[in-house]
Amino acid sequence: MRVIAGQFRSRALSAPPGLDTRPTSDRLRETLFNVLAPRISGAAFLDLYAGSGAVGIEAISRGAARVAFVERDPIAARTLRANLERLHIVQGFRLHAGSVKAFLQKRSSIASPEPVPYEVVFLDPPWDAAAEYASTLNLLGGSAAAHLAPDALVIAEHRRKTTLEENYGALRRTRLLEQGDAALSFYAVEPSAL
């Protein structure tokens, strides 16, 4: 696994040991960031179910202003920290150790310490955790929509054979890219929901 482009191009990244974390492949990350290229520079990027941090680190490498990583697994979070340290990334990111649901619900409260809307949100829960997709996308399309900038893009990586809904609250799927066993579903906030 490596960083595809930008400041840290071709630098190696580690993945957590075992099969509990499935990093986004280099090829799929390259496809994702080819689509996101016009949006990344200066963007606030949210990497949910961050695992090794490969997607968020790619965003940093390509010029994202700020990246928030959310990962609850302690082993994956240690690997993510090690990847950031290996690349000498010391600013422009925050790592939230805990569940995605807790992060989204906490940040939705009035007392949130950092009310920063994100232009790009990426989520890649375990493929077999179908309930995580629906729960997270429904939160982002509903009570946690304050996390999203008005023109935000929410991207879910999932198994190609898994069918995600066209709509989750105010989120509407605008694009579906399939590559190998994986797929990327792109969602935007419906203008009528604003």
C-alpha atoms as a PDB file:
ATOM      1  CA  MET A   1       0.000   0.000   0.000  1.00  0.00           C
ATOM      2  CA  ARG A   2       1.347   3.432  -0.913  1.00  0.00           C
ATOM      3  CA  VAL A   3       0.356   7.067  -1.295  1.00  0.00           C
ATOM      4  CA  ILE A   4      -0.667   7.552  -4.934  1.00  0.00           C
ATOM      5  CA  ALA A   5       0.059  11.242  -5.603  1.00  0.00           C
ATOM      6  CA  GLY A   6       0.871  14.617  -4.116  1.00  0.00           C
ATOM      7  CA  GLN A   7       3.384  15.609  -1.459  1.00  0.00           C
ATOM      8  CA  PHE A   8       3.876  12.038  -0.165  1.00  0.00           C
ATOM      9  CA  ARG A   9       3.673  10.272  -3.528  1.00  0.00           C
ATOM     10  CA  SER A  10       4.962   6.677  -3.581  1.00  0.00           C
ATOM     11  CA  ARG A  11       5.583   6.575   0.175  1.00  0.00           C
ATOM     12  CA  ALA A  12       4.695   3.228   1.741  1.00  0.00           C
ATOM     13  CA  LEU A  13       1.827   2.827   4.219  1.00  0.00           C
ATOM     14  CA  SER A  14       1.262   0.003   6.682  1.00  0.00           C
ATOM     15  CA  ALA A  15      -1.990  -1.876   7.133  1.00  0.00           C
ATOM     16  CA  PRO A  16      -3.224  -3.276  10.447  1.00  0.00           C
ATOM     17  CA  PRO A  17      -2.420  -6.976  10.863  1.00  0.00           C
ATOM     18  CA  GLY A  18      -5.142  -9.557  10.376  1.00  0.00           C
ATOM     19  CA  LEU A  19      -8.296  -9.557   8.322  1.00  0.00           C
ATOM     20  CA  ASP A  20     -10.455  -7.225  10.430  1.00  0.00           C
ATOM     21  CA  THR A  21      -9.403  -4.168   8.412  1.00  0.00           C
ATOM     22  CA  ARG A  22      -9.586  -4.155   4.618  1.00  0.00           C
ATOM     23  CA  PRO A  23      -7.627  -1.176   3.262  1.00  0.00           C
ATOM     24  CA  THR A  24      -8.876   0.592   0.155  1.00  0.00           C
ATOM     25  CA  SER A  25      -6.725  -0.673  -2.716  1.00  0.00           C
ATOM     26  CA  ASP A  26      -4.219   1.644  -4.401  1.00  0.00           C
ATOM     27  CA  ARG A  27      -6.113   1.326  -7.673  1.00  0.00           C
ATOM     28  CA  LEU A  28      -9.486   2.223  -6.132  1.00  0.00           C
ATOM     29  CA  ARG A  29      -7.954   5.161  -4.221  1.00  0.00           C
ATOM     30  CA  GLU A  30      -6.477   6.427  -7.478  1.00  0.00           C
ATOM     31  CA  THR A  31      -9.918   6.223  -9.134  1.00  0.00           C
ATOM     32  CA  LEU A  32     -11.550   7.948  -6.150  1.00  0.00           C
ATOM     33  CA  PHE A  33      -9.069  10.823  -6.112  1.00  0.00           C
ATOM     34  CA  ASN A  34      -9.218  11.263  -9.887  1.00  0.00           C
ATOM     35  CA  VAL A  35     -12.926  12.022  -9.387  1.00  0.00           C
ATOM     36  CA  LEU A  36     -12.297  14.183  -6.303  1.00  0.00           C
ATOM     37  CA  ALA A  37      -9.326  16.124  -7.752  1.00  0.00           C
ATOM     38  CA  PRO A  38     -11.145  19.465  -8.217  1.00  0.00           C
ATOM     39  CA  ARG A  39     -12.505  19.342  -4.636  1.00  0.00           C
ATOM     40  CA  ILE A  40      -9.485  18.324  -2.544  1.00  0.00           C
ATOM     41  CA  SER A  41      -7.182  21.343  -2.421  1.00  0.00           C
ATOM     42  CA  GLY A  42      -8.053  23.313   0.708  1.00  0.00           C
ATOM     43  CA  ALA A  43     -10.958  21.017   1.618  1.00  0.00           C
ATOM     44  CA  ALA A  44     -12.067  19.728   5.006  1.00  0.00           C
ATOM     45  CA  PHE A  45     -12.100  15.923   4.613  1.00  0.00           C
ATOM     46  CA  LEU A  46     -13.744  13.396   6.948  1.00  0.00           C
ATOM     47  CA  ASP A  47     -12.445   9.805   6.851  1.00  0.00           C
ATOM     48  CA  LEU A  48     -14.939   7.561   8.686  1.00  0.00           C
ATOM     49  CA  TYR A  49     -13.927   3.981   9.588  1.00  0.00           C
ATOM     50  CA  ALA A  50     -10.420   5.202   8.747  1.00  0.00           C
ATOM     51  CA  GLY A  51      -8.504   1.959   9.340  1.00  0.00           C
ATOM     52  CA  SER A  52      -4.883   2.547   8.280  1.00  0.00           C
ATOM     53  CA  GLY A  53      -5.724   6.128   7.292  1.00  0.00           C
ATOM     54  CA  ALA A  54      -4.737   5.557   3.652  1.00  0.00           C
ATOM     55  CA  VAL A  55      -7.663   7.557   2.225  1.00  0.00           C
ATOM     56  CA  GLY A  56      -7.312  10.518   4.595  1.00  0.00           C
ATOM     57  CA  ILE A  57      -3.520  10.536   4.174  1.00  0.00           C
ATOM     58  CA  GLU A  58      -4.033  10.603   0.404  1.00  0.00           C
ATOM     59  CA  ALA A  59      -6.265  13.660   0.910  1.00  0.00           C
ATOM     60  CA  ILE A  60      -3.549  15.359   2.999  1.00  0.00           C
ATOM     61  CA  SER A  61      -0.933  14.507   0.379  1.00  0.00           C
ATOM     62  CA  ARG A  62      -3.103  16.116  -2.313  1.00  0.00           C
ATOM     63  CA  GLY A  63      -3.655  19.349  -0.396  1.00  0.00           C
ATOM     64  CA  ALA A  64      -6.681  18.946   1.879  1.00  0.00           C
ATOM     65  CA  ALA A  65      -6.576  21.703   4.506  1.00  0.00           C
ATOM     66  CA  ARG A  66      -7.877  19.511   7.306  1.00  0.00           C
ATOM     67  CA  VAL A  67      -8.621  15.806   7.737  1.00  0.00           C
ATOM     68  CA  ALA A  68     -10.524  14.161  10.574  1.00  0.00           C
ATOM     69  CA  PHE A  69      -9.960  10.427  11.007  1.00  0.00           C
ATOM     70  CA  VAL A  70     -12.534   8.393  12.952  1.00  0.00           C
ATOM     71  CA  GLU A  71     -11.500   4.876  13.962  1.00  0.00           C
ATOM     72  CA  ARG A  72     -12.610   2.834  16.980  1.00  0.00           C
ATOM     73  CA  ASP A  73     -10.356  -0.233  16.610  1.00  0.00           C
ATOM     74  CA  PRO A  74      -7.239   0.344  18.782  1.00  0.00           C
ATOM     75  CA  ILE A  75      -4.941  -1.700  16.522  1.00  0.00           C
ATOM     76  CA  ALA A  76      -6.052   0.166  13.400  1.00  0.00           C
ATOM     77  CA  ALA A  77      -5.739   3.509  15.217  1.00  0.00           C
ATOM     78  CA  ARG A  78      -2.152   2.645  16.232  1.00  0.00           C
ATOM     79  CA  THR A  79      -1.342   1.776  12.619  1.00  0.00           C
ATOM     80  CA  LEU A  80      -2.896   5.048  11.460  1.00  0.00           C
ATOM     81  CA  ARG A  81      -0.804   7.025  13.975  1.00  0.00           C
ATOM     82  CA  ALA A  82       2.327   5.149  12.852  1.00  0.00           C
ATOM     83  CA  ASN A  83       1.591   5.995   9.202  1.00  0.00           C
ATOM     84  CA  LEU A  84       1.200   9.684  10.069  1.00  0.00           C
ATOM     85  CA  GLU A  85       4.437   9.642  12.092  1.00  0.00           C
ATOM     86  CA  ARG A  86       6.365   7.816   9.347  1.00  0.00           C
ATOM     87  CA  LEU A  87       5.368  10.570   6.898  1.00  0.00           C
ATOM     88  CA  HIS A  88       6.121  13.304   9.485  1.00  0.00           C
ATOM     89  CA  ILE A  89       2.552  14.615   9.283  1.00  0.00           C
ATOM     90  CA  VAL A  90       2.149  16.605  12.492  1.00  0.00           C
ATOM     91  CA  GLN A  91      -0.639  19.075  11.679  1.00  0.00           C
ATOM     92  CA  GLY A  92      -3.773  19.426   9.584  1.00  0.00           C
ATOM     93  CA  PHE A  93      -5.477  16.371  11.059  1.00  0.00           C
ATOM     94  CA  ARG A  94      -7.355  15.077  14.098  1.00  0.00           C
ATOM     95  CA  LEU A  95      -7.772  11.476  15.107  1.00  0.00           C
ATOM     96  CA  HIS A  96     -10.992  10.587  16.936  1.00  0.00           C
ATOM     97  CA  ALA A  97     -10.773   7.219  18.688  1.00  0.00           C
ATOM     98  CA  GLY A  98     -14.309   5.936  18.978  1.00  0.00           C
ATOM     99  CA  SER A  99     -17.321   4.891  16.994  1.00  0.00           C
ATOM    100  CA  VAL A 100     -18.546   6.772  13.959  1.00  0.00           C
ATOM    101  CA  LYS A 101     -22.033   7.021  15.442  1.00  0.00           C
ATOM    102  CA  ALA A 102     -20.720   8.609  18.655  1.00  0.00           C
ATOM    103  CA  PHE A 103     -18.586  11.057  16.657  1.00  0.00           C
ATOM    104  CA  LEU A 104     -21.484  12.124  14.424  1.00  0.00           C
ATOM    105  CA  GLN A 105     -23.929  12.417  17.310  1.00  0.00           C
ATOM    106  CA  LYS A 106     -21.496  14.320  19.529  1.00  0.00           C
ATOM    107  CA  ARG A 107     -20.584  16.720  16.755  1.00  0.00           C
ATOM    108  CA  SER A 108     -24.287  17.279  16.090  1.00  0.00           C
ATOM    109  CA  SER A 109     -24.789  18.713  19.556  1.00  0.00           C
ATOM    110  CA  ILE A 110     -24.814  22.456  20.179  1.00  0.00           C
ATOM    111  CA  ALA A 111     -21.807  22.102  22.496  1.00  0.00           C
ATOM    112  CA  SER A 112     -19.614  20.716  19.706  1.00  0.00           C
ATOM    113  CA  PRO A 113     -16.067  22.082  20.087  1.00  0.00           C
ATOM    114  CA  GLU A 114     -15.356  22.172  16.364  1.00  0.00           C
ATOM    115  CA  PRO A 115     -18.388  22.988  14.202  1.00  0.00           C
ATOM    116  CA  VAL A 116     -16.529  22.460  10.937  1.00  0.00           C
ATOM    117  CA  PRO A 117     -18.556  21.382   7.919  1.00  0.00           C
ATOM    118  CA  TYR A 118     -16.796  18.893   5.653  1.00  0.00           C
ATOM    119  CA  GLU A 119     -16.671  19.216   1.861  1.00  0.00           C
ATOM    120  CA  VAL A 120     -15.793  15.532   1.403  1.00  0.00           C
ATOM    121  CA  VAL A 121     -16.836  12.600   3.602  1.00  0.00           C
ATOM    122  CA  PHE A 122     -15.534   9.096   2.912  1.00  0.00           C
ATOM    123  CA  LEU A 123     -16.844   6.010   4.676  1.00  0.00           C
ATOM    124  CA  ASP A 124     -15.640   2.454   4.406  1.00  0.00           C
ATOM    125  CA  PRO A 125     -17.115   0.285   7.164  1.00  0.00           C
ATOM    126  CA  PRO A 126     -16.512  -3.466   7.157  1.00  0.00           C
ATOM    127  CA  TRP A 127     -18.254  -4.802   4.074  1.00  0.00           C
ATOM    128  CA  ASP A 128     -20.280  -7.299   6.082  1.00  0.00           C
ATOM    129  CA  ALA A 129     -21.596  -4.568   8.399  1.00  0.00           C
ATOM    130  CA  ALA A 130     -24.600  -3.602   6.273  1.00  0.00           C
ATOM    131  CA  ALA A 131     -26.250  -1.862   9.218  1.00  0.00           C
ATOM    132  CA  GLU A 132     -23.245   0.510   9.510  1.00  0.00           C
ATOM    133  CA  TYR A 133     -23.806   1.805   5.973  1.00  0.00           C
ATOM    134  CA  ALA A 134     -27.483   2.538   6.548  1.00  0.00           C
ATOM    135  CA  SER A 135     -26.931   3.987  10.031  1.00  0.00           C
ATOM    136  CA  THR A 136     -24.096   6.322   8.993  1.00  0.00           C
ATOM    137  CA  LEU A 137     -25.660   7.471   5.728  1.00  0.00           C
ATOM    138  CA  ASN A 138     -29.007   8.078   7.460  1.00  0.00           C
ATOM    139  CA  LEU A 139     -27.256  10.156  10.140  1.00  0.00           C
ATOM    140  CA  LEU A 140     -25.410  12.213   7.509  1.00  0.00           C
ATOM    141  CA  GLY A 141     -28.624  12.672   5.544  1.00  0.00           C
ATOM    142  CA  GLY A 142     -30.565  13.606   8.671  1.00  0.00           C
ATOM    143  CA  SER A 143     -29.661  14.646  12.214  1.00  0.00           C
ATOM    144  CA  ALA A 144     -25.894  14.891  11.521  1.00  0.00           C
ATOM    145  CA  ALA A 145     -26.243  16.924   8.299  1.00  0.00           C
ATOM    146  CA  ALA A 146     -24.595  19.882  10.068  1.00  0.00           C
ATOM    147  CA  HIS A 147     -21.313  18.054   9.395  1.00  0.00           C
ATOM    148  CA  LEU A 148     -21.776  18.666   5.680  1.00  0.00           C
ATOM    149  CA  ALA A 149     -20.895  21.791   3.721  1.00  0.00           C
ATOM    150  CA  PRO A 150     -23.721  22.848   1.361  1.00  0.00           C
ATOM    151  CA  ASP A 151     -22.036  21.243  -1.679  1.00  0.00           C
ATOM    152  CA  ALA A 152     -20.520  18.288   0.216  1.00  0.00           C
ATOM    153  CA  LEU A 153     -19.908  14.946  -1.395  1.00  0.00           C
ATOM    154  CA  VAL A 154     -20.333  11.744   0.649  1.00  0.00           C
ATOM    155  CA  ILE A 155     -18.666   8.634  -0.762  1.00  0.00           C
ATOM    156  CA  ALA A 156     -19.270   5.089   0.498  1.00  0.00           C
ATOM    157  CA  GLU A 157     -16.939   2.258  -0.482  1.00  0.00           C
ATOM    158  CA  HIS A 158     -18.768  -1.066  -0.488  1.00  0.00           C
ATOM    159  CA  ARG A 159     -18.793  -4.534  -1.936  1.00  0.00           C
ATOM    160  CA  ARG A 160     -19.843  -4.434  -5.583  1.00  0.00           C
ATOM    161  CA  LYS A 161     -22.590  -6.978  -4.954  1.00  0.00           C
ATOM    162  CA  THR A 162     -24.030  -4.901  -2.102  1.00  0.00           C
ATOM    163  CA  THR A 163     -26.760  -2.543  -3.187  1.00  0.00           C
ATOM    164  CA  LEU A 164     -26.961   0.696  -1.272  1.00  0.00           C
ATOM    165  CA  GLU A 165     -30.129   2.794  -1.355  1.00  0.00           C
ATOM    166  CA  GLU A 166     -30.531   5.680  -3.779  1.00  0.00           C
ATOM    167  CA  ASN A 167     -31.518   8.019  -0.928  1.00  0.00           C
ATOM    168  CA  TYR A 168     -30.674   8.319   2.755  1.00  0.00           C
ATOM    169  CA  GLY A 169     -32.642  11.230   4.169  1.00  0.00           C
ATOM    170  CA  ALA A 170     -31.455  14.333   2.316  1.00  0.00           C
ATOM    171  CA  LEU A 171     -28.622  12.415   0.585  1.00  0.00           C
ATOM    172  CA  ARG A 172     -29.193  11.298  -2.983  1.00  0.00           C
ATOM    173  CA  ARG A 173     -26.854   9.036  -4.955  1.00  0.00           C
ATOM    174  CA  THR A 174     -25.380  10.879  -7.916  1.00  0.00           C
ATOM    175  CA  ARG A 175     -22.858   8.341  -9.186  1.00  0.00           C
ATOM    176  CA  LEU A 176     -21.835   4.697  -8.855  1.00  0.00           C
ATOM    177  CA  LEU A 177     -18.349   3.503  -9.863  1.00  0.00           C
ATOM    178  CA  GLU A 178     -17.504  -0.192  -9.870  1.00  0.00           C
ATOM    179  CA  GLN A 179     -13.999  -1.640  -9.927  1.00  0.00           C
ATOM    180  CA  GLY A 180     -13.217  -5.291  -9.323  1.00  0.00           C
ATOM    181  CA  ASP A 181     -15.073  -6.481  -6.201  1.00  0.00           C
ATOM    182  CA  ALA A 182     -15.509  -2.926  -4.909  1.00  0.00           C
ATOM    183  CA  ALA A 183     -17.834  -0.038  -5.678  1.00  0.00           C
ATOM    184  CA  LEU A 184     -18.000   3.636  -4.769  1.00  0.00           C
ATOM    185  CA  SER A 185     -21.399   5.264  -4.260  1.00  0.00           C
ATOM    186  CA  PHE A 186     -21.330   9.080  -4.387  1.00  0.00           C
ATOM    187  CA  TYR A 187     -24.026  11.050  -2.557  1.00  0.00           C
ATOM    188  CA  ALA A 188     -24.892  14.750  -2.460  1.00  0.00           C
ATOM    189  CA  VAL A 189     -27.481  16.691  -0.500  1.00  0.00           C
ATOM    190  CA  GLU A 190     -30.639  17.165  -2.539  1.00  0.00           C
ATOM    191  CA  PRO A 191     -31.192  20.883  -3.210  1.00  0.00           C
ATOM    192  CA  SER A 192     -34.859  20.535  -2.205  1.00  0.00           C
ATOM    193  CA  ALA A 193     -33.740  19.354   1.243  1.00  0.00           C
ATOM    194  CA  LEU A 194     -31.920  22.615   2.031  1.00  0.00           C
END
